[in-house]
Amino acid sequence: MNAKWYYLALRQTQGTIRTDDPSWQPWVVFFLRALLAQMRNLAKKVEREKIVLSALPELSIQILDQAREHGRVTMGDMVKLTGVSRNTLKEHFRSLIEKNHLVMHGSGRGSWYSLP
């Protein structure tokens, strides 16, 4: 769906709006097609996410969930949340970065991580 189809549907509907029998069909059909396209895109993303997450250890999934929910995650956040040692978490963070599931910002104790 692109702007061309949006404006075409809008013009067709606006052209009949002040008549005795306005036609909402062009606008409704455009909207429903756009909604269907978004639904299909989301279904693909969800399926990809399931495949990716099924191959990750539970602790890595918790790290990604934290980053998704809060927009960022730190080593300290995960130590507090899970009680897991920093060394174990470092391995998971490193692996997630290598697999392009996380992006590191900063360095040392001030570093934080986000989704790509």
PDB file of N, CA and C in Angstrom:
ATOM      1  N   MET A   1       0.851  -1.163   0.000  1.00  0.00           N
ATOM      2  CA  MET A   1       0.000   0.000   0.000  1.00  0.00           C
ATOM      3  C   MET A   1       0.903   1.235   0.000  1.00  0.00           C
ATOM      4  N   ASN A   2       0.602   2.135  -0.881  1.00  0.00           N
ATOM      5  CA  ASN A   2       1.411   3.343  -0.919  1.00  0.00           C
ATOM      6  C   ASN A   2       0.522   4.584  -1.001  1.00  0.00           C
ATOM      7  N   ALA A   3       1.174   5.710  -0.993  1.00  0.00           N
ATOM      8  CA  ALA A   3       0.458   6.987  -0.969  1.00  0.00           C
ATOM      9  C   ALA A   3      -0.453   7.156  -2.183  1.00  0.00           C
ATOM     10  N   LYS A   4      -0.020   6.635  -3.316  1.00  0.00           N
ATOM     11  CA  LYS A   4      -0.817   6.775  -4.539  1.00  0.00           C
ATOM     12  C   LYS A   4      -2.210   6.162  -4.347  1.00  0.00           C
ATOM     13  N   TRP A   5      -2.270   4.952  -3.796  1.00  0.00           N
ATOM     14  CA  TRP A   5      -3.548   4.270  -3.593  1.00  0.00           C
ATOM     15  C   TRP A   5      -4.370   4.939  -2.500  1.00  0.00           C
ATOM     16  N   TYR A   6      -3.681   5.447  -1.501  1.00  0.00           N
ATOM     17  CA  TYR A   6      -4.367   6.164  -0.411  1.00  0.00           C
ATOM     18  C   TYR A   6      -5.103   7.375  -0.979  1.00  0.00           C
ATOM     19  N   TYR A   7      -4.396   8.204  -1.747  1.00  0.00           N
ATOM     20  CA  TYR A   7      -5.013   9.421  -2.282  1.00  0.00           C
ATOM     21  C   TYR A   7      -6.090   9.115  -3.312  1.00  0.00           C
ATOM     22  N   LEU A   8      -5.908   8.055  -4.070  1.00  0.00           N
ATOM     23  CA  LEU A   8      -6.927   7.663  -5.033  1.00  0.00           C
ATOM     24  C   LEU A   8      -8.219   7.280  -4.301  1.00  0.00           C
ATOM     25  N   ALA A   9      -8.103   6.456  -3.267  1.00  0.00           N
ATOM     26  CA  ALA A   9      -9.285   6.050  -2.498  1.00  0.00           C
ATOM     27  C   ALA A   9      -9.924   7.253  -1.814  1.00  0.00           C
ATOM     28  N   LEU A  10      -9.105   8.122  -1.292  1.00  0.00           N
ATOM     29  CA  LEU A  10      -9.615   9.317  -0.621  1.00  0.00           C
ATOM     30  C   LEU A  10     -10.377  10.218  -1.599  1.00  0.00           C
ATOM     31  N   ARG A  11      -9.792  10.447  -2.783  1.00  0.00           N
ATOM     32  CA  ARG A  11     -10.461  11.289  -3.787  1.00  0.00           C
ATOM     33  C   ARG A  11     -11.778  10.667  -4.244  1.00  0.00           C
ATOM     34  N   GLN A  12     -11.775   9.352  -4.447  1.00  0.00           N
ATOM     35  CA  GLN A  12     -13.007   8.688  -4.887  1.00  0.00           C
ATOM     36  C   GLN A  12     -14.109   8.832  -3.845  1.00  0.00           C
ATOM     37  N   THR A  13     -13.748   8.685  -2.591  1.00  0.00           N
ATOM     38  CA  THR A  13     -14.745   8.817  -1.527  1.00  0.00           C
ATOM     39  C   THR A  13     -15.173  10.270  -1.362  1.00  0.00           C
ATOM     40  N   GLN A  14     -14.219  11.185  -1.356  1.00  0.00           N
ATOM     41  CA  GLN A  14     -14.555  12.607  -1.197  1.00  0.00           C
ATOM     42  C   GLN A  14     -15.427  13.110  -2.344  1.00  0.00           C
ATOM     43  N   GLY A  15     -15.250  12.535  -3.528  1.00  0.00           N
ATOM     44  CA  GLY A  15     -16.045  12.953  -4.685  1.00  0.00           C
ATOM     45  C   GLY A  15     -17.522  12.655  -4.530  1.00  0.00           C
ATOM     46  N   THR A  16     -17.877  11.720  -3.659  1.00  0.00           N
ATOM     47  CA  THR A  16     -19.286  11.347  -3.489  1.00  0.00           C
ATOM     48  C   THR A  16     -19.849  11.761  -2.135  1.00  0.00           C
ATOM     49  N   ILE A  17     -19.040  12.360  -1.310  1.00  0.00           N
ATOM     50  CA  ILE A  17     -19.414  12.616   0.085  1.00  0.00           C
ATOM     51  C   ILE A  17     -20.614  13.564   0.220  1.00  0.00           C
ATOM     52  N   ARG A  18     -20.748  14.526  -0.684  1.00  0.00           N
ATOM     53  CA  ARG A  18     -21.837  15.497  -0.583  1.00  0.00           C
ATOM     54  C   ARG A  18     -23.047  15.119  -1.457  1.00  0.00           C
ATOM     55  N   THR A  19     -23.056  13.902  -1.920  1.00  0.00           N
ATOM     56  CA  THR A  19     -24.190  13.444  -2.732  1.00  0.00           C
ATOM     57  C   THR A  19     -25.210  12.748  -1.834  1.00  0.00           C
ATOM     58  N   ASP A  20     -26.340  12.394  -2.428  1.00  0.00           N
ATOM     59  CA  ASP A  20     -27.380  11.683  -1.674  1.00  0.00           C
ATOM     60  C   ASP A  20     -26.958  10.252  -1.355  1.00  0.00           C
ATOM     61  N   ASP A  21     -26.037   9.718  -2.142  1.00  0.00           N
ATOM     62  CA  ASP A  21     -25.601   8.328  -1.951  1.00  0.00           C
ATOM     63  C   ASP A  21     -24.065   8.265  -1.932  1.00  0.00           C
ATOM     64  N   PRO A  22     -23.443   8.716  -0.831  1.00  0.00           N
ATOM     65  CA  PRO A  22     -21.972   8.705  -0.782  1.00  0.00           C
ATOM     66  C   PRO A  22     -21.425   7.282  -0.812  1.00  0.00           C
ATOM     67  N   SER A  23     -20.301   7.126  -1.470  1.00  0.00           N
ATOM     68  CA  SER A  23     -19.669   5.814  -1.579  1.00  0.00           C
ATOM     69  C   SER A  23     -18.448   5.754  -0.661  1.00  0.00           C
ATOM     70  N   TRP A  24     -18.568   4.972   0.384  1.00  0.00           N
ATOM     71  CA  TRP A  24     -17.458   4.793   1.337  1.00  0.00           C
ATOM     72  C   TRP A  24     -16.564   3.619   0.927  1.00  0.00           C
ATOM     73  N   GLN A  25     -17.011   2.875  -0.067  1.00  0.00           N
ATOM     74  CA  GLN A  25     -16.312   1.654  -0.442  1.00  0.00           C
ATOM     75  C   GLN A  25     -14.833   1.847  -0.776  1.00  0.00           C
ATOM     76  N   PRO A  26     -14.442   2.839  -1.595  1.00  0.00           N
ATOM     77  CA  PRO A  26     -13.011   2.973  -1.905  1.00  0.00           C
ATOM     78  C   PRO A  26     -12.146   3.156  -0.654  1.00  0.00           C
ATOM     79  N   TRP A  27     -12.609   3.985   0.258  1.00  0.00           N
ATOM     80  CA  TRP A  27     -11.841   4.238   1.484  1.00  0.00           C
ATOM     81  C   TRP A  27     -11.802   3.000   2.385  1.00  0.00           C
ATOM     82  N   VAL A  28     -12.948   2.353   2.558  1.00  0.00           N
ATOM     83  CA  VAL A  28     -13.012   1.162   3.415  1.00  0.00           C
ATOM     84  C   VAL A  28     -12.158   0.039   2.829  1.00  0.00           C
ATOM     85  N   VAL A  29     -12.236  -0.173   1.532  1.00  0.00           N
ATOM     86  CA  VAL A  29     -11.440  -1.225   0.891  1.00  0.00           C
ATOM     87  C   VAL A  29      -9.945  -0.925   1.038  1.00  0.00           C
ATOM     88  N   PHE A  30      -9.549   0.328   0.818  1.00  0.00           N
ATOM     89  CA  PHE A  30      -8.142   0.690   1.005  1.00  0.00           C
ATOM     90  C   PHE A  30      -7.708   0.396   2.434  1.00  0.00           C
ATOM     91  N   PHE A  31      -8.494   0.837   3.399  1.00  0.00           N
ATOM     92  CA  PHE A  31      -8.175   0.646   4.803  1.00  0.00           C
ATOM     93  C   PHE A  31      -8.056  -0.840   5.146  1.00  0.00           C
ATOM     94  N   LEU A  32      -8.996  -1.650   4.698  1.00  0.00           N
ATOM     95  CA  LEU A  32      -8.964  -3.081   4.997  1.00  0.00           C
ATOM     96  C   LEU A  32      -7.772  -3.778   4.335  1.00  0.00           C
ATOM     97  N   ARG A  33      -7.427  -3.360   3.131  1.00  0.00           N
ATOM     98  CA  ARG A  33      -6.243  -3.946   2.468  1.00  0.00           C
ATOM     99  C   ARG A  33      -4.965  -3.573   3.218  1.00  0.00           C
ATOM    100  N   ALA A  34      -4.887  -2.334   3.665  1.00  0.00           N
ATOM    101  CA  ALA A  34      -3.723  -1.900   4.437  1.00  0.00           C
ATOM    102  C   ALA A  34      -3.642  -2.680   5.752  1.00  0.00           C
ATOM    103  N   LEU A  35      -4.775  -2.875   6.380  1.00  0.00           N
ATOM    104  CA  LEU A  35      -4.830  -3.636   7.627  1.00  0.00           C
ATOM    105  C   LEU A  35      -4.399  -5.095   7.394  1.00  0.00           C
ATOM    106  N   LEU A  36      -4.860  -5.682   6.324  1.00  0.00           N
ATOM    107  CA  LEU A  36      -4.482  -7.053   5.979  1.00  0.00           C
ATOM    108  C   LEU A  36      -2.981  -7.161   5.715  1.00  0.00           C
ATOM    109  N   ALA A  37      -2.425  -6.193   5.007  1.00  0.00           N
ATOM    110  CA  ALA A  37      -0.981  -6.198   4.733  1.00  0.00           C
ATOM    111  C   ALA A  37      -0.190  -6.100   6.036  1.00  0.00           C
ATOM    112  N   GLN A  38      -0.623  -5.246   6.949  1.00  0.00           N
ATOM    113  CA  GLN A  38       0.054  -5.115   8.240  1.00  0.00           C
ATOM    114  C   GLN A  38      -0.060  -6.401   9.042  1.00  0.00           C
ATOM    115  N   MET A  39      -1.213  -7.028   8.997  1.00  0.00           N
ATOM    116  CA  MET A  39      -1.415  -8.281   9.719  1.00  0.00           C
ATOM    117  C   MET A  39      -0.465  -9.364   9.182  1.00  0.00           C
ATOM    118  N   ARG A  40      -0.323  -9.444   7.877  1.00  0.00           N
ATOM    119  CA  ARG A  40       0.590 -10.432   7.275  1.00  0.00           C
ATOM    120  C   ARG A  40       2.037 -10.145   7.654  1.00  0.00           C
ATOM    121  N   ASN A  41       2.433  -8.869   7.631  1.00  0.00           N
ATOM    122  CA  ASN A  41       3.795  -8.505   8.030  1.00  0.00           C
ATOM    123  C   ASN A  41       4.057  -8.873   9.482  1.00  0.00           C
ATOM    124  N   LEU A  42       3.101  -8.590  10.337  1.00  0.00           N
ATOM    125  CA  LEU A  42       3.250  -8.912  11.752  1.00  0.00           C
ATOM    126  C   LEU A  42       3.326 -10.422  11.963  1.00  0.00           C
ATOM    127  N   ALA A  43       2.519 -11.180  11.249  1.00  0.00           N
ATOM    128  CA  ALA A  43       2.550 -12.641  11.370  1.00  0.00           C
ATOM    129  C   ALA A  43       3.924 -13.187  10.986  1.00  0.00           C
ATOM    130  N   LYS A  44       4.516 -12.637   9.926  1.00  0.00           N
ATOM    131  CA  LYS A  44       5.861 -13.059   9.517  1.00  0.00           C
ATOM    132  C   LYS A  44       6.885 -12.742  10.597  1.00  0.00           C
ATOM    133  N   LYS A  45       6.792 -11.537  11.165  1.00  0.00           N
ATOM    134  CA  LYS A  45       7.738 -11.142  12.218  1.00  0.00           C
ATOM    135  C   LYS A  45       7.604 -12.031  13.446  1.00  0.00           C
ATOM    136  N   VAL A  46       6.376 -12.331  13.825  1.00  0.00           N
ATOM    137  CA  VAL A  46       6.148 -13.192  14.985  1.00  0.00           C
ATOM    138  C   VAL A  46       6.720 -14.580  14.732  1.00  0.00           C
ATOM    139  N   GLU A  47       6.511 -15.103  13.548  1.00  0.00           N
ATOM    140  CA  GLU A  47       7.038 -16.429  13.214  1.00  0.00           C
ATOM    141  C   GLU A  47       8.565 -16.439  13.249  1.00  0.00           C
ATOM    142  N   ARG A  48       9.189 -15.395  12.680  1.00  0.00           N
ATOM    143  CA  ARG A  48      10.658 -15.298  12.727  1.00  0.00           C
ATOM    144  C   ARG A  48      11.144 -15.211  14.163  1.00  0.00           C
ATOM    145  N   GLU A  49      10.450 -14.432  14.965  1.00  0.00           N
ATOM    146  CA  GLU A  49      10.829 -14.258  16.366  1.00  0.00           C
ATOM    147  C   GLU A  49      10.748 -15.589  17.115  1.00  0.00           C
ATOM    148  N   LYS A  50       9.717 -16.376  16.840  1.00  0.00           N
ATOM    149  CA  LYS A  50       9.593 -17.692  17.475  1.00  0.00           C
ATOM    150  C   LYS A  50      10.771 -18.589  17.115  1.00  0.00           C
ATOM    151  N   ILE A  51      11.165 -18.578  15.850  1.00  0.00           N
ATOM    152  CA  ILE A  51      12.280 -19.406  15.399  1.00  0.00           C
ATOM    153  C   ILE A  51      13.566 -18.974  16.081  1.00  0.00           C
ATOM    154  N   VAL A  52      13.804 -17.668  16.117  1.00  0.00           N
ATOM    155  CA  VAL A  52      15.024 -17.132  16.731  1.00  0.00           C
ATOM    156  C   VAL A  52      15.056 -17.442  18.216  1.00  0.00           C
ATOM    157  N   LEU A  53      13.948 -17.170  18.897  1.00  0.00           N
ATOM    158  CA  LEU A  53      13.924 -17.343  20.341  1.00  0.00           C
ATOM    159  C   LEU A  53      13.981 -18.808  20.756  1.00  0.00           C
ATOM    160  N   SER A  54      13.473 -19.701  19.926  1.00  0.00           N
ATOM    161  CA  SER A  54      13.497 -21.114  20.291  1.00  0.00           C
ATOM    162  C   SER A  54      14.918 -21.657  20.354  1.00  0.00           C
ATOM    163  N   ALA A  55      15.848 -20.998  19.675  1.00  0.00           N
ATOM    164  CA  ALA A  55      17.233 -21.457  19.653  1.00  0.00           C
ATOM    165  C   ALA A  55      18.085 -20.808  20.745  1.00  0.00           C
ATOM    166  N   LEU A  56      17.502 -19.924  21.544  1.00  0.00           N
ATOM    167  CA  LEU A  56      18.272 -19.206  22.561  1.00  0.00           C
ATOM    168  C   LEU A  56      18.031 -19.784  23.954  1.00  0.00           C
ATOM    169  N   PRO A  57      19.043 -19.699  24.810  1.00  0.00           N
ATOM    170  CA  PRO A  57      18.850 -20.113  26.203  1.00  0.00           C
ATOM    171  C   PRO A  57      17.864 -19.174  26.916  1.00  0.00           C
ATOM    172  N   GLU A  58      17.236 -19.667  27.957  1.00  0.00           N
ATOM    173  CA  GLU A  58      16.237 -18.906  28.699  1.00  0.00           C
ATOM    174  C   GLU A  58      16.773 -17.572  29.206  1.00  0.00           C
ATOM    175  N   LEU A  59      18.008 -17.553  29.700  1.00  0.00           N
ATOM    176  CA  LEU A  59      18.585 -16.320  30.223  1.00  0.00           C
ATOM    177  C   LEU A  59      18.732 -15.268  29.115  1.00  0.00           C
ATOM    178  N   SER A  60      19.113 -15.693  27.928  1.00  0.00           N
ATOM    179  CA  SER A  60      19.219 -14.767  26.797  1.00  0.00           C
ATOM    180  C   SER A  60      17.858 -14.204  26.424  1.00  0.00           C
ATOM    181  N   ILE A  61      16.834 -15.039  26.497  1.00  0.00           N
ATOM    182  CA  ILE A  61      15.474 -14.579  26.203  1.00  0.00           C
ATOM    183  C   ILE A  61      15.037 -13.550  27.238  1.00  0.00           C
ATOM    184  N   GLN A  62      15.394 -13.765  28.508  1.00  0.00           N
ATOM    185  CA  GLN A  62      15.059 -12.790  29.557  1.00  0.00           C
ATOM    186  C   GLN A  62      15.742 -11.447  29.291  1.00  0.00           C
ATOM    187  N   ILE A  63      16.979 -11.494  28.834  1.00  0.00           N
ATOM    188  CA  ILE A  63      17.711 -10.256  28.516  1.00  0.00           C
ATOM    189  C   ILE A  63      16.998  -9.512  27.388  1.00  0.00           C
ATOM    190  N   LEU A  64      16.626 -10.222  26.333  1.00  0.00           N
ATOM    191  CA  LEU A  64      15.930  -9.601  25.201  1.00  0.00           C
ATOM    192  C   LEU A  64      14.569  -9.054  25.619  1.00  0.00           C
ATOM    193  N   ASP A  65      13.858  -9.792  26.458  1.00  0.00           N
ATOM    194  CA  ASP A  65      12.561  -9.316  26.947  1.00  0.00           C
ATOM    195  C   ASP A  65      12.717  -8.007  27.721  1.00  0.00           C
ATOM    196  N   GLN A  66      13.731  -7.934  28.559  1.00  0.00           N
ATOM    197  CA  GLN A  66      13.987  -6.721  29.343  1.00  0.00           C
ATOM    198  C   GLN A  66      14.287  -5.547  28.411  1.00  0.00           C
ATOM    199  N   ALA A  67      15.110  -5.783  27.396  1.00  0.00           N
ATOM    200  CA  ALA A  67      15.446  -4.728  26.429  1.00  0.00           C
ATOM    201  C   ALA A  67      14.204  -4.299  25.660  1.00  0.00           C
ATOM    202  N   ARG A  68      13.362  -5.242  25.300  1.00  0.00           N
ATOM    203  CA  ARG A  68      12.146  -4.931  24.544  1.00  0.00           C
ATOM    204  C   ARG A  68      11.168  -4.126  25.395  1.00  0.00           C
ATOM    205  N   GLU A  69      11.000  -4.518  26.639  1.00  0.00           N
ATOM    206  CA  GLU A  69      10.026  -3.856  27.513  1.00  0.00           C
ATOM    207  C   GLU A  69      10.458  -2.454  27.929  1.00  0.00           C
ATOM    208  N   HIS A  70      11.760  -2.251  28.126  1.00  0.00           N
ATOM    209  CA  HIS A  70      12.235  -0.974  28.667  1.00  0.00           C
ATOM    210  C   HIS A  70      13.040  -0.134  27.664  1.00  0.00           C
ATOM    211  N   GLY A  71      13.262  -0.670  26.466  1.00  0.00           N
ATOM    212  CA  GLY A  71      14.005   0.074  25.455  1.00  0.00           C
ATOM    213  C   GLY A  71      15.511  -0.045  25.607  1.00  0.00           C
ATOM    214  N   ARG A  72      15.948  -0.537  26.743  1.00  0.00           N
ATOM    215  CA  ARG A  72      17.373  -0.728  27.007  1.00  0.00           C
ATOM    216  C   ARG A  72      17.531  -1.664  28.198  1.00  0.00           C
ATOM    217  N   VAL A  73      18.715  -2.226  28.338  1.00  0.00           N
ATOM    218  CA  VAL A  73      19.002  -3.121  29.458  1.00  0.00           C
ATOM    219  C   VAL A  73      20.472  -2.963  29.825  1.00  0.00           C
ATOM    220  N   THR A  74      20.773  -3.109  31.099  1.00  0.00           N
ATOM    221  CA  THR A  74      22.162  -3.050  31.561  1.00  0.00           C
ATOM    222  C   THR A  74      22.504  -4.358  32.261  1.00  0.00           C
ATOM    223  N   MET A  75      23.786  -4.576  32.437  1.00  0.00           N
ATOM    224  CA  MET A  75      24.252  -5.748  33.162  1.00  0.00           C
ATOM    225  C   MET A  75      23.690  -5.713  34.584  1.00  0.00           C
ATOM    226  N   GLY A  76      23.728  -4.537  35.215  1.00  0.00           N
ATOM    227  CA  GLY A  76      23.210  -4.384  36.567  1.00  0.00           C
ATOM    228  C   GLY A  76      21.732  -4.725  36.680  1.00  0.00           C
ATOM    229  N   ASP A  77      20.958  -4.310  35.658  1.00  0.00           N
ATOM    230  CA  ASP A  77      19.528  -4.645  35.641  1.00  0.00           C
ATOM    231  C   ASP A  77      19.334  -6.155  35.715  1.00  0.00           C
ATOM    232  N   MET A  78      20.104  -6.864  34.908  1.00  0.00           N
ATOM    233  CA  MET A  78      19.929  -8.308  34.820  1.00  0.00           C
ATOM    234  C   MET A  78      20.456  -9.029  36.055  1.00  0.00           C
ATOM    235  N   VAL A  79      21.508  -8.500  36.678  1.00  0.00           N
ATOM    236  CA  VAL A  79      21.992  -9.096  37.924  1.00  0.00           C
ATOM    237  C   VAL A  79      20.887  -8.994  38.981  1.00  0.00           C
ATOM    238  N   LYS A  80      20.275  -7.813  39.097  1.00  0.00           N
ATOM    239  CA  LYS A  80      19.205  -7.608  40.081  1.00  0.00           C
ATOM    240  C   LYS A  80      17.982  -8.470  39.762  1.00  0.00           C
ATOM    241  N   LEU A  81      17.637  -8.527  38.483  1.00  0.00           N
ATOM    242  CA  LEU A  81      16.432  -9.246  38.068  1.00  0.00           C
ATOM    243  C   LEU A  81      16.570 -10.761  38.207  1.00  0.00           C
ATOM    244  N   THR A  82      17.753 -11.298  37.868  1.00  0.00           N
ATOM    245  CA  THR A  82      17.911 -12.755  37.805  1.00  0.00           C
ATOM    246  C   THR A  82      18.738 -13.345  38.944  1.00  0.00           C
ATOM    247  N   GLY A  83      19.617 -12.527  39.540  1.00  0.00           N
ATOM    248  CA  GLY A  83      20.505 -13.051  40.563  1.00  0.00           C
ATOM    249  C   GLY A  83      21.663 -13.857  39.990  1.00  0.00           C
ATOM    250  N   VAL A  84      21.827 -13.826  38.670  1.00  0.00           N
ATOM    251  CA  VAL A  84      22.892 -14.562  37.985  1.00  0.00           C
ATOM    252  C   VAL A  84      24.176 -13.736  38.047  1.00  0.00           C
ATOM    253  N   SER A  85      25.322 -14.407  38.089  1.00  0.00           N
ATOM    254  CA  SER A  85      26.605 -13.708  38.190  1.00  0.00           C
ATOM    255  C   SER A  85      26.883 -12.867  36.942  1.00  0.00           C
ATOM    256  N   ARG A  86      27.675 -11.820  37.130  1.00  0.00           N
ATOM    257  CA  ARG A  86      28.055 -10.938  36.017  1.00  0.00           C
ATOM    258  C   ARG A  86      28.782 -11.722  34.926  1.00  0.00           C
ATOM    259  N   ASN A  87      29.650 -12.652  35.318  1.00  0.00           N
ATOM    260  CA  ASN A  87      30.413 -13.416  34.318  1.00  0.00           C
ATOM    261  C   ASN A  87      29.503 -14.246  33.422  1.00  0.00           C
ATOM    262  N   THR A  88      28.502 -14.870  34.015  1.00  0.00           N
ATOM    263  CA  THR A  88      27.547 -15.653  33.213  1.00  0.00           C
ATOM    264  C   THR A  88      26.755 -14.727  32.292  1.00  0.00           C
ATOM    265  N   LEU A  89      26.317 -13.597  32.833  1.00  0.00           N
ATOM    266  CA  LEU A  89      25.569 -12.642  32.020  1.00  0.00           C
ATOM    267  C   LEU A  89      26.422 -12.086  30.890  1.00  0.00           C
ATOM    268  N   LYS A  90      27.693 -11.827  31.152  1.00  0.00           N
ATOM    269  CA  LYS A  90      28.588 -11.309  30.108  1.00  0.00           C
ATOM    270  C   LYS A  90      28.613 -12.244  28.906  1.00  0.00           C
ATOM    271  N   GLU A  91      28.664 -13.551  29.176  1.00  0.00           N
ATOM    272  CA  GLU A  91      28.674 -14.532  28.074  1.00  0.00           C
ATOM    273  C   GLU A  91      27.398 -14.424  27.249  1.00  0.00           C
ATOM    274  N   HIS A  92      26.268 -14.273  27.919  1.00  0.00           N
ATOM    275  CA  HIS A  92      24.987 -14.174  27.199  1.00  0.00           C
ATOM    276  C   HIS A  92      24.897 -12.859  26.414  1.00  0.00           C
ATOM    277  N   PHE A  93      25.301 -11.764  27.042  1.00  0.00           N
ATOM    278  CA  PHE A  93      25.300 -10.479  26.338  1.00  0.00           C
ATOM    279  C   PHE A  93      26.207 -10.550  25.106  1.00  0.00           C
ATOM    280  N   ARG A  94      27.394 -11.102  25.289  1.00  0.00           N
ATOM    281  CA  ARG A  94      28.356 -11.215  24.183  1.00  0.00           C
ATOM    282  C   ARG A  94      27.760 -12.028  23.033  1.00  0.00           C
ATOM    283  N   SER A  95      27.142 -13.136  23.364  1.00  0.00           N
ATOM    284  CA  SER A  95      26.527 -13.987  22.347  1.00  0.00           C
ATOM    285  C   SER A  95      25.388 -13.258  21.623  1.00  0.00           C
ATOM    286  N   LEU A  96      24.578 -12.535  22.376  1.00  0.00           N
ATOM    287  CA  LEU A  96      23.473 -11.795  21.755  1.00  0.00           C
ATOM    288  C   LEU A  96      23.978 -10.694  20.829  1.00  0.00           C
ATOM    289  N   ILE A  97      25.082 -10.077  21.185  1.00  0.00           N
ATOM    290  CA  ILE A  97      25.682  -9.045  20.323  1.00  0.00           C
ATOM    291  C   ILE A  97      26.222  -9.681  19.051  1.00  0.00           C
ATOM    292  N   GLU A  98      26.919 -10.796  19.191  1.00  0.00           N
ATOM    293  CA  GLU A  98      27.485 -11.493  18.021  1.00  0.00           C
ATOM    294  C   GLU A  98      26.404 -11.938  17.050  1.00  0.00           C
ATOM    295  N   LYS A  99      25.246 -12.313  17.585  1.00  0.00           N
ATOM    296  CA  LYS A  99      24.132 -12.779  16.744  1.00  0.00           C
ATOM    297  C   LYS A  99      23.245 -11.629  16.284  1.00  0.00           C
ATOM    298  N   ASN A 100      23.665 -10.397  16.581  1.00  0.00           N
ATOM    299  CA  ASN A 100      22.922  -9.187  16.188  1.00  0.00           C
ATOM    300  C   ASN A 100      21.528  -9.088  16.795  1.00  0.00           C
ATOM    301  N   HIS A 101      21.368  -9.639  17.997  1.00  0.00           N
ATOM    302  CA  HIS A 101      20.104  -9.487  18.714  1.00  0.00           C
ATOM    303  C   HIS A 101      20.142  -8.260  19.623  1.00  0.00           C
ATOM    304  N   LEU A 102      21.350  -7.818  19.996  1.00  0.00           N
ATOM    305  CA  LEU A 102      21.535  -6.645  20.839  1.00  0.00           C
ATOM    306  C   LEU A 102      22.630  -5.762  20.268  1.00  0.00           C
ATOM    307  N   VAL A 103      22.563  -4.479  20.608  1.00  0.00           N
ATOM    308  CA  VAL A 103      23.596  -3.510  20.238  1.00  0.00           C
ATOM    309  C   VAL A 103      24.124  -2.909  21.535  1.00  0.00           C
ATOM    310  N   MET A 104      25.451  -2.840  21.652  1.00  0.00           N
ATOM    311  CA  MET A 104      26.069  -2.281  22.850  1.00  0.00           C
ATOM    312  C   MET A 104      26.307  -0.787  22.666  1.00  0.00           C
ATOM    313  N   HIS A 105      26.007  -0.022  23.705  1.00  0.00           N
ATOM    314  CA  HIS A 105      26.234   1.423  23.708  1.00  0.00           C
ATOM    315  C   HIS A 105      27.151   1.750  24.879  1.00  0.00           C
ATOM    316  N   GLY A 106      28.208   2.494  24.627  1.00  0.00           N
ATOM    317  CA  GLY A 106      29.144   2.851  25.685  1.00  0.00           C
ATOM    318  C   GLY A 106      30.124   1.721  25.953  1.00  0.00           C
ATOM    319  N   SER A 107      30.849   1.864  27.067  1.00  0.00           N
ATOM    320  CA  SER A 107      31.804   0.827  27.428  1.00  0.00           C
ATOM    321  C   SER A 107      31.930   0.752  28.940  1.00  0.00           C
ATOM    322  N   GLY A 108      32.461  -0.351  29.401  1.00  0.00           N
ATOM    323  CA  GLY A 108      32.666  -0.537  30.829  1.00  0.00           C
ATOM    324  C   GLY A 108      31.353  -0.615  31.589  1.00  0.00           C
ATOM    325  N   ARG A 109      31.389  -0.197  32.853  1.00  0.00           N
ATOM    326  CA  ARG A 109      30.199  -0.286  33.718  1.00  0.00           C
ATOM    327  C   ARG A 109      29.063   0.626  33.257  1.00  0.00           C
ATOM    328  N   GLY A 110      29.374   1.628  32.465  1.00  0.00           N
ATOM    329  CA  GLY A 110      28.336   2.546  31.992  1.00  0.00           C
ATOM    330  C   GLY A 110      27.649   2.070  30.727  1.00  0.00           C
ATOM    331  N   SER A 111      28.015   0.910  30.233  1.00  0.00           N
ATOM    332  CA  SER A 111      27.426   0.455  28.973  1.00  0.00           C
ATOM    333  C   SER A 111      25.991  -0.017  29.178  1.00  0.00           C
ATOM    334  N   TRP A 112      25.238   0.084  28.124  1.00  0.00           N
ATOM    335  CA  TRP A 112      23.867  -0.409  28.098  1.00  0.00           C
ATOM    336  C   TRP A 112      23.610  -1.015  26.730  1.00  0.00           C
ATOM    337  N   TYR A 113      22.524  -1.734  26.606  1.00  0.00           N
ATOM    338  CA  TYR A 113      22.247  -2.509  25.402  1.00  0.00           C
ATOM    339  C   TYR A 113      20.826  -2.240  24.944  1.00  0.00           C
ATOM    340  N   SER A 114      20.644  -2.291  23.633  1.00  0.00           N
ATOM    341  CA  SER A 114      19.307  -2.106  23.059  1.00  0.00           C
ATOM    342  C   SER A 114      19.119  -3.088  21.926  1.00  0.00           C
ATOM    343  N   LEU A 115      17.881  -3.207  21.485  1.00  0.00           N
ATOM    344  CA  LEU A 115      17.597  -4.028  20.319  1.00  0.00           C
ATOM    345  C   LEU A 115      18.094  -3.287  19.084  1.00  0.00           C
ATOM    346  N   PRO A 116      18.511  -4.011  18.067  1.00  0.00           N
ATOM    347  CA  PRO A 116      18.999  -3.336  16.842  1.00  0.00           C
ATOM    348  C   PRO A 116      17.905  -2.563  16.119  1.00  0.00           C
TER     349      PRO A 116
END
